[in-house]
N, C-alpha and C. Protein backbone atom coordinates (compact mmCIF):
# COMPACT_ATOMS: atom_id res chain seq x y z
N MET A 1 -14.31 -8.83 -15.37
CA MET A 1 -13.96 -8.40 -14.11
C MET A 1 -14.99 -7.69 -13.07
N SER A 2 -15.35 -8.19 -11.69
CA SER A 2 -16.07 -7.02 -10.84
C SER A 2 -14.96 -6.74 -9.84
N ILE A 3 -15.47 -5.41 -9.48
CA ILE A 3 -14.90 -4.76 -8.29
C ILE A 3 -15.72 -4.47 -6.92
N LYS A 4 -15.34 -4.16 -6.12
CA LYS A 4 -16.07 -3.81 -5.14
C LYS A 4 -15.28 -2.94 -4.08
N PHE A 5 -16.02 -1.96 -3.51
CA PHE A 5 -14.71 -0.98 -2.60
C PHE A 5 -14.94 -1.87 -1.39
N GLU A 6 -13.74 -2.30 -0.62
CA GLU A 6 -13.75 -2.48 0.60
C GLU A 6 -13.78 -1.54 2.31
N ASN A 7 -12.50 -1.30 1.74
CA ASN A 7 -12.35 0.16 2.92
C ASN A 7 -11.41 1.18 2.77
N VAL A 8 -11.53 2.43 3.54
CA VAL A 8 -10.41 3.10 3.73
C VAL A 8 -9.32 2.98 4.94
N GLY A 9 -8.08 2.95 4.53
CA GLY A 9 -7.38 2.25 5.63
C GLY A 9 -6.42 3.14 6.18
N ILE A 10 -6.42 4.08 7.46
CA ILE A 10 -5.65 4.91 7.59
C ILE A 10 -4.73 4.28 8.98
N ALA A 11 -3.78 5.15 8.96
CA ALA A 11 -2.54 4.69 10.29
C ALA A 11 -3.00 5.97 11.10
N VAL A 12 -2.91 5.31 12.30
CA VAL A 12 -3.16 6.68 13.36
C VAL A 12 -2.25 6.48 14.56
N ARG A 13 -1.96 7.55 15.35
CA ARG A 13 -0.82 7.58 16.16
C ARG A 13 -0.89 6.74 17.42
N ASP A 14 -2.65 7.08 17.60
CA ASP A 14 -3.32 6.56 18.80
C ASP A 14 -4.75 5.51 18.65
N LEU A 15 -4.45 4.75 18.40
CA LEU A 15 -5.93 3.51 17.56
C LEU A 15 -7.04 4.25 18.83
N GLU A 16 -6.62 3.93 19.97
CA GLU A 16 -8.22 4.08 21.10
C GLU A 16 -8.55 5.88 20.75
N ALA A 17 -7.95 6.25 20.82
CA ALA A 17 -8.42 7.63 20.27
C ALA A 17 -9.39 7.57 18.89
N ALA A 18 -8.59 7.78 18.19
CA ALA A 18 -9.04 7.09 16.63
C ALA A 18 -10.66 6.62 16.85
N ILE A 19 -10.84 5.18 17.56
CA ILE A 19 -11.92 4.43 17.67
C ILE A 19 -13.02 4.96 18.61
N ALA A 20 -12.21 5.92 19.48
CA ALA A 20 -13.36 6.74 20.04
C ALA A 20 -13.99 7.70 19.53
N PHE A 21 -13.37 8.26 18.88
CA PHE A 21 -13.85 9.58 17.82
C PHE A 21 -14.62 9.18 16.73
N PHE A 22 -14.46 7.78 15.65
CA PHE A 22 -15.19 7.37 14.72
C PHE A 22 -16.55 6.66 15.99
N THR A 23 -16.38 6.25 16.64
CA THR A 23 -17.67 5.49 16.88
C THR A 23 -18.50 6.69 17.99
N ASP A 24 -17.99 7.74 18.30
CA ASP A 24 -18.77 8.62 18.86
C ASP A 24 -19.69 9.26 17.54
N LEU A 25 -19.19 9.04 16.49
CA LEU A 25 -19.81 10.11 14.99
C LEU A 25 -20.93 9.23 14.85
N GLY A 26 -20.83 7.88 15.18
CA GLY A 26 -21.89 6.96 14.70
C GLY A 26 -21.03 5.67 14.32
N LEU A 27 -19.98 5.45 13.78
CA LEU A 27 -19.62 3.93 13.03
C LEU A 27 -19.49 3.10 14.37
N THR A 28 -19.69 1.86 13.65
CA THR A 28 -19.74 0.47 14.87
C THR A 28 -17.89 0.00 14.40
N LEU A 29 -17.79 -0.27 15.71
CA LEU A 29 -16.66 -1.05 15.62
C LEU A 29 -16.81 -2.41 15.39
N LEU A 30 -16.24 -2.95 14.11
CA LEU A 30 -16.63 -4.52 14.06
C LEU A 30 -15.78 -5.27 14.35
N GLY A 31 -14.75 -5.07 14.75
CA GLY A 31 -13.80 -6.04 15.52
C GLY A 31 -12.02 -5.29 15.23
N ARG A 32 -11.20 -5.57 15.83
CA ARG A 32 -9.64 -5.59 16.77
C ARG A 32 -8.65 -6.90 16.26
N ASP A 33 -7.35 -6.56 16.09
CA ASP A 33 -6.91 -7.65 15.95
C ASP A 33 -5.27 -6.95 16.08
N THR A 34 -4.44 -7.83 16.03
CA THR A 34 -3.05 -7.41 15.56
C THR A 34 -2.39 -8.19 14.66
N VAL A 35 -1.88 -7.70 13.63
CA VAL A 35 -1.40 -8.63 12.76
C VAL A 35 0.31 -8.53 12.89
N SER A 36 0.54 -9.50 12.22
CA SER A 36 2.35 -9.62 12.00
C SER A 36 2.69 -10.95 11.00
N GLY A 37 3.89 -11.31 10.67
CA GLY A 37 4.08 -12.01 10.03
C GLY A 37 4.24 -12.26 8.40
N GLN A 38 5.01 -13.37 7.85
CA GLN A 38 5.25 -12.97 6.59
C GLN A 38 4.21 -12.63 6.01
N TRP A 39 3.38 -12.71 5.90
CA TRP A 39 1.76 -12.52 5.07
C TRP A 39 1.73 -10.98 5.02
N THR A 40 1.84 -10.25 5.93
CA THR A 40 1.64 -8.94 6.20
C THR A 40 2.82 -8.07 5.72
N ASP A 41 4.07 -8.49 5.67
CA ASP A 41 5.12 -8.14 5.11
C ASP A 41 5.16 -8.24 3.83
N ILE A 42 4.74 -8.80 3.01
CA ILE A 42 4.71 -9.40 1.67
C ILE A 42 3.19 -8.08 1.26
N ALA A 43 1.99 -8.60 1.87
CA ALA A 43 0.98 -7.91 1.36
C ALA A 43 0.59 -6.02 1.76
N VAL A 44 2.11 -5.58 2.42
CA VAL A 44 1.91 -4.16 3.05
C VAL A 44 3.27 -3.62 2.21
N GLY A 45 4.20 -4.73 2.67
CA GLY A 45 5.92 -3.98 1.57
C GLY A 45 6.21 -3.60 2.88
N LEU A 46 6.22 -3.94 4.19
CA LEU A 46 7.37 -3.54 5.12
C LEU A 46 7.69 -4.71 5.94
N ASP A 47 9.04 -4.90 5.87
CA ASP A 47 9.56 -5.76 6.63
C ASP A 47 9.51 -6.18 8.05
N GLY A 48 9.18 -6.79 8.75
CA GLY A 48 8.88 -6.88 10.21
C GLY A 48 7.21 -5.98 10.85
N ASN A 49 6.51 -6.13 9.50
CA ASN A 49 5.30 -5.41 9.87
C ASN A 49 4.33 -6.21 10.85
N HIS A 50 4.15 -5.14 12.01
CA HIS A 50 3.53 -5.44 13.00
C HIS A 50 2.41 -3.92 13.57
N ALA A 51 1.05 -4.61 13.14
CA ALA A 51 0.70 -3.47 13.50
C ALA A 51 -0.92 -4.04 14.33
N ASN A 52 -1.75 -3.24 15.40
CA ASN A 52 -3.03 -3.19 15.79
C ASN A 52 -3.70 -2.51 15.12
N ILE A 53 -4.93 -3.56 14.62
CA ILE A 53 -5.33 -2.90 13.45
C ILE A 53 -7.48 -2.47 14.34
N ALA A 54 -8.27 -1.62 13.94
CA ALA A 54 -9.33 -2.14 14.18
C ALA A 54 -10.47 -1.46 12.59
N MET A 55 -11.21 -1.81 12.46
CA MET A 55 -12.26 -1.79 11.66
C MET A 55 -13.39 -1.34 12.07
N LEU A 56 -14.08 -0.64 11.24
CA LEU A 56 -15.12 -0.02 11.51
C LEU A 56 -16.35 0.37 10.39
N GLN A 57 -17.45 0.23 10.84
CA GLN A 57 -18.26 0.12 9.76
C GLN A 57 -19.52 1.62 9.71
N THR A 58 -19.85 2.20 8.42
CA THR A 58 -21.13 3.09 9.16
C THR A 58 -22.31 2.59 9.06
N PRO A 59 -23.35 2.92 9.95
CA PRO A 59 -24.76 2.44 10.48
C PRO A 59 -25.37 1.78 9.32
N ASP A 60 -25.30 2.35 8.14
CA ASP A 60 -25.72 1.77 6.61
C ASP A 60 -24.90 0.68 5.82
N GLY A 61 -23.68 0.51 6.71
CA GLY A 61 -23.57 -0.69 6.47
C GLY A 61 -22.38 -0.79 4.77
N ASN A 62 -22.70 0.55 4.31
CA ASN A 62 -21.69 0.68 3.05
C ASN A 62 -20.48 1.15 3.17
N GLY A 63 -20.19 1.47 4.44
CA GLY A 63 -18.78 2.17 4.53
C GLY A 63 -18.17 1.54 5.52
N ARG A 64 -16.32 1.63 5.32
CA ARG A 64 -15.83 1.04 6.61
C ARG A 64 -14.35 1.50 6.73
N LEU A 65 -13.93 1.84 7.19
CA LEU A 65 -12.47 2.12 7.71
C LEU A 65 -11.62 1.31 8.54
N GLU A 66 -10.55 1.03 7.94
CA GLU A 66 -9.75 0.26 8.60
C GLU A 66 -8.59 0.93 9.09
N LEU A 67 -8.61 1.20 10.89
CA LEU A 67 -7.03 1.88 11.30
C LEU A 67 -6.21 1.00 11.86
N PHE A 68 -4.95 1.78 11.57
CA PHE A 68 -3.47 1.05 11.68
C PHE A 68 -3.05 1.79 12.84
N GLU A 69 -2.46 0.91 13.68
CA GLU A 69 -1.32 1.56 15.17
C GLU A 69 -0.01 0.55 14.80
N TYR A 70 0.64 1.21 13.95
CA TYR A 70 2.07 0.72 13.44
C TYR A 70 2.75 0.57 15.06
N LEU A 71 3.56 -0.98 15.00
CA LEU A 71 4.06 -1.32 16.09
C LEU A 71 5.55 -1.35 15.90
N HIS A 72 5.99 -1.82 14.10
CA HIS A 72 7.34 -2.03 14.11
C HIS A 72 6.80 -2.23 12.35
N PRO A 73 7.59 -1.55 11.62
CA PRO A 73 8.54 -0.56 11.98
C PRO A 73 7.26 0.63 12.56
N ALA A 74 8.05 1.57 13.15
CA ALA A 74 7.65 2.66 14.17
C ALA A 74 7.01 3.61 13.12
N ALA A 75 5.91 3.76 13.77
CA ALA A 75 5.22 5.03 13.02
C ALA A 75 6.28 6.27 12.33
N ILE A 76 5.91 7.16 11.68
CA ILE A 76 6.42 8.05 10.82
C ILE A 76 5.49 9.43 11.09
N GLU A 77 5.88 10.22 12.16
CA GLU A 77 5.08 11.01 11.81
C GLU A 77 5.48 12.47 10.71
N THR A 78 4.36 12.86 10.27
CA THR A 78 4.51 13.77 9.20
C THR A 78 3.69 14.83 9.49
N GLU A 79 4.24 16.04 8.45
CA GLU A 79 3.19 17.29 9.17
C GLU A 79 1.56 16.87 8.68
N PRO A 80 0.67 17.23 9.42
CA PRO A 80 -0.48 16.92 8.88
C PRO A 80 -1.22 17.36 7.48
N THR A 81 -1.65 16.44 6.50
CA THR A 81 -1.83 16.54 5.12
C THR A 81 -2.83 17.97 4.88
N ARG A 82 -2.33 18.94 3.78
CA ARG A 82 -3.30 20.29 3.72
C ARG A 82 -3.93 19.61 2.61
N PRO A 83 -5.71 20.32 2.16
CA PRO A 83 -6.78 19.79 1.46
C PRO A 83 -6.15 19.81 -0.04
N ASN A 84 -4.64 20.63 -0.14
CA ASN A 84 -4.99 20.58 -1.50
C ASN A 84 -3.24 19.64 -1.76
N GLU A 85 -2.87 18.57 -0.82
CA GLU A 85 -2.00 17.85 -1.21
C GLU A 85 -2.41 16.84 -2.20
N ILE A 86 -1.36 16.11 -2.83
CA ILE A 86 -1.65 15.00 -3.67
C ILE A 86 -1.31 13.75 -2.89
N GLY A 87 -2.75 12.74 -3.33
CA GLY A 87 -2.86 11.53 -2.41
C GLY A 87 -3.70 11.51 -1.44
N MET A 88 -3.80 10.36 -0.60
CA MET A 88 -5.06 10.92 0.14
C MET A 88 -5.38 11.70 0.64
N HIS A 89 -6.62 12.21 0.84
CA HIS A 89 -7.29 13.66 1.00
C HIS A 89 -8.09 13.94 2.31
N ARG A 90 -8.86 13.13 1.97
CA ARG A 90 -9.82 13.17 3.61
C ARG A 90 -10.75 11.71 3.30
N VAL A 91 -11.76 11.79 4.30
CA VAL A 91 -12.52 10.89 4.39
C VAL A 91 -13.75 11.81 4.46
N ALA A 92 -14.90 11.36 3.93
CA ALA A 92 -16.09 12.32 4.30
C ALA A 92 -17.39 11.36 4.85
N PHE A 93 -18.31 12.01 5.47
CA PHE A 93 -19.23 11.22 6.18
C PHE A 93 -20.50 12.03 5.73
N SER A 94 -21.80 11.82 5.65
CA SER A 94 -22.75 12.50 5.62
C SER A 94 -23.24 12.59 6.84
N VAL A 95 -24.18 13.51 7.79
CA VAL A 95 -24.47 13.04 8.89
C VAL A 95 -26.33 13.82 9.04
N ASP A 96 -27.18 13.46 9.75
CA ASP A 96 -28.38 13.90 10.17
C ASP A 96 -28.00 15.22 10.25
N ASP A 97 -27.31 15.34 11.10
CA ASP A 97 -27.05 17.12 11.89
C ASP A 97 -25.65 17.11 11.99
N LEU A 98 -25.37 18.31 11.43
CA LEU A 98 -23.68 18.68 11.56
C LEU A 98 -23.40 19.29 12.49
N ASP A 99 -24.42 20.30 13.20
CA ASP A 99 -24.29 20.76 14.63
C ASP A 99 -23.84 19.93 15.85
N GLU A 100 -24.28 18.91 15.51
CA GLU A 100 -24.28 17.69 16.74
C GLU A 100 -23.25 16.85 16.72
N ALA A 101 -22.69 16.81 15.11
CA ALA A 101 -21.46 16.24 15.07
C ALA A 101 -20.37 17.25 15.12
N LEU A 102 -20.60 18.25 15.36
CA LEU A 102 -19.27 19.16 15.68
C LEU A 102 -18.79 19.33 17.08
N GLU A 103 -20.27 18.99 17.86
CA GLU A 103 -20.32 18.90 18.85
C GLU A 103 -19.60 17.75 19.68
N ILE A 104 -19.76 16.90 19.13
CA ILE A 104 -19.11 15.71 19.55
C ILE A 104 -17.74 15.65 18.74
N ALA A 105 -17.24 15.84 17.73
CA ALA A 105 -15.89 16.14 17.29
C ALA A 105 -15.34 17.16 18.12
N ALA A 106 -15.75 17.93 18.78
CA ALA A 106 -14.85 19.28 19.86
C ALA A 106 -14.66 18.57 21.02
N ARG A 107 -15.48 17.34 21.31
CA ARG A 107 -15.23 16.81 22.32
C ARG A 107 -13.96 16.12 22.21
N HIS A 108 -13.68 15.86 21.04
CA HIS A 108 -12.28 15.37 20.88
C HIS A 108 -11.18 15.81 20.69
N GLY A 109 -11.18 17.23 20.53
CA GLY A 109 -9.94 18.36 20.46
C GLY A 109 -10.53 18.47 18.53
N CYS A 110 -10.99 18.17 18.12
CA CYS A 110 -11.11 18.28 16.69
C CYS A 110 -12.06 19.42 16.14
N HIS A 111 -11.81 20.51 15.87
CA HIS A 111 -12.47 21.30 15.18
C HIS A 111 -12.63 21.80 13.39
N PRO A 112 -13.43 22.24 13.17
CA PRO A 112 -13.23 22.98 11.52
C PRO A 112 -12.08 23.60 11.65
N LEU A 113 -11.79 23.21 10.29
CA LEU A 113 -10.04 24.00 9.44
C LEU A 113 -10.41 25.49 9.20
N ARG A 114 -11.66 26.03 8.91
CA ARG A 114 -11.67 27.44 8.68
C ARG A 114 -13.19 27.72 9.32
N GLY A 115 -14.31 26.86 8.82
CA GLY A 115 -15.61 27.22 9.58
C GLY A 115 -17.13 26.07 8.76
N VAL A 116 -18.00 26.32 8.98
CA VAL A 116 -19.06 25.65 7.80
C VAL A 116 -19.59 26.37 6.53
N ALA A 117 -19.72 25.87 6.00
CA ALA A 117 -20.21 26.58 4.53
C ALA A 117 -21.21 25.86 3.97
N VAL A 118 -21.97 26.39 3.16
CA VAL A 118 -23.17 26.04 2.67
C VAL A 118 -22.75 25.95 1.09
N TYR A 119 -23.41 24.88 1.03
CA TYR A 119 -22.98 24.67 -1.01
C TYR A 119 -24.45 24.47 -1.69
N GLU A 120 -24.88 25.95 -2.06
CA GLU A 120 -25.69 25.78 -3.45
C GLU A 120 -27.22 25.54 -2.53
N ASP A 121 -27.34 25.83 -1.14
CA ASP A 121 -28.60 25.35 -0.29
C ASP A 121 -29.02 23.92 -0.48
N ALA A 122 -27.86 23.36 -0.79
CA ALA A 122 -27.96 21.76 -0.61
C ALA A 122 -27.21 21.14 0.76
N TYR A 123 -26.10 21.47 0.59
CA TYR A 123 -25.03 20.95 1.65
C TYR A 123 -24.78 21.94 2.63
N LYS A 124 -24.54 21.45 4.16
CA LYS A 124 -24.04 22.23 5.01
C LYS A 124 -23.03 21.33 5.42
N LEU A 125 -21.40 21.90 4.96
CA LEU A 125 -20.64 20.92 5.14
C LEU A 125 -18.81 21.98 5.79
N THR A 126 -18.33 20.96 6.76
CA THR A 126 -16.82 21.47 6.69
C THR A 126 -16.25 20.08 6.74
N TYR A 127 -14.57 20.97 6.82
CA TYR A 127 -13.51 19.73 7.08
C TYR A 127 -13.23 19.93 8.69
N VAL A 128 -12.96 19.00 9.06
CA VAL A 128 -12.40 18.83 10.72
C VAL A 128 -11.15 18.23 10.60
N ARG A 129 -10.07 18.34 11.65
CA ARG A 129 -8.63 17.75 11.60
C ARG A 129 -8.97 16.93 12.66
N GLY A 130 -9.42 15.60 12.26
CA GLY A 130 -9.71 14.71 13.24
C GLY A 130 -8.03 14.49 14.13
N PRO A 131 -8.44 12.66 14.84
CA PRO A 131 -7.58 12.13 15.23
C PRO A 131 -6.26 11.83 14.12
N SER A 132 -4.90 12.05 14.96
CA SER A 132 -3.72 12.27 13.78
C SER A 132 -3.69 12.63 13.06
N GLY A 133 -4.37 13.84 12.75
CA GLY A 133 -4.28 14.88 12.05
C GLY A 133 -5.25 14.41 10.55
N ILE A 134 -6.00 13.36 10.54
CA ILE A 134 -6.87 13.18 9.88
C ILE A 134 -8.00 14.29 9.16
N ILE A 135 -8.15 14.37 7.96
CA ILE A 135 -9.12 15.07 7.17
C ILE A 135 -10.61 14.54 7.37
N VAL A 136 -11.37 15.16 8.01
CA VAL A 136 -12.93 14.45 8.25
C VAL A 136 -13.97 15.30 7.39
N MET A 137 -13.99 15.04 6.25
CA MET A 137 -15.84 16.21 6.16
C MET A 137 -16.74 15.49 6.27
N LEU A 138 -17.57 16.12 6.86
CA LEU A 138 -18.91 16.19 7.58
C LEU A 138 -19.84 16.96 6.99
N ALA A 139 -21.07 16.46 6.21
CA ALA A 139 -21.72 17.09 5.67
C ALA A 139 -23.18 16.84 5.81
N GLN A 140 -24.20 17.73 6.08
CA GLN A 140 -25.50 17.40 5.83
C GLN A 140 -26.66 18.07 5.10
N GLU A 141 -27.11 17.21 4.35
CA GLU A 141 -28.15 17.56 3.27
C GLU A 141 -28.98 18.50 3.80
N LEU A 142 -29.38 19.68 3.00
CA LEU A 142 -30.30 20.67 3.54
C LEU A 142 -32.05 20.09 2.99
N ARG A 143 -31.89 19.93 1.47
CA ARG A 143 -33.00 19.06 1.17
C ARG A 143 -32.78 17.74 0.75
N ARG A 144 -33.65 17.31 0.82
CA ARG A 144 -34.05 15.99 0.32
C ARG A 144 -34.45 15.39 -0.86
N ARG A 145 -34.01 14.74 -1.67
CA ARG A 145 -33.90 14.74 -3.10
C ARG A 145 -35.38 13.59 -3.42
């Protein structure tokens, strides 16, 4: 059996805000759709499933995010995920310029959880709280391999 990574799916409260945040960081919007019907009820496991979705891709073509804005059943607000909680933790991106990425994030009201760290003189990185409370790790490689 072969396996291939496809994407990470994230439910958001405001699809337009999430698209704006991720496209400003450099992802490309591949497409949008509204999904509903029996096939989505079965696949997702929610009766009456109805959502607006958007697929985004990293510039290198290797990573994709699928964003969902649920229309029915209504989205359930939860407390923002903490870095040590079990379950989906974060989405991570390598960037060429962390300072520029943080300026972009700040324009969307998204700031580091604590600050910027340096890991073994190899990476400068931080976690920001993105749209809908998503934890987004941004990392800049300091020395090329």
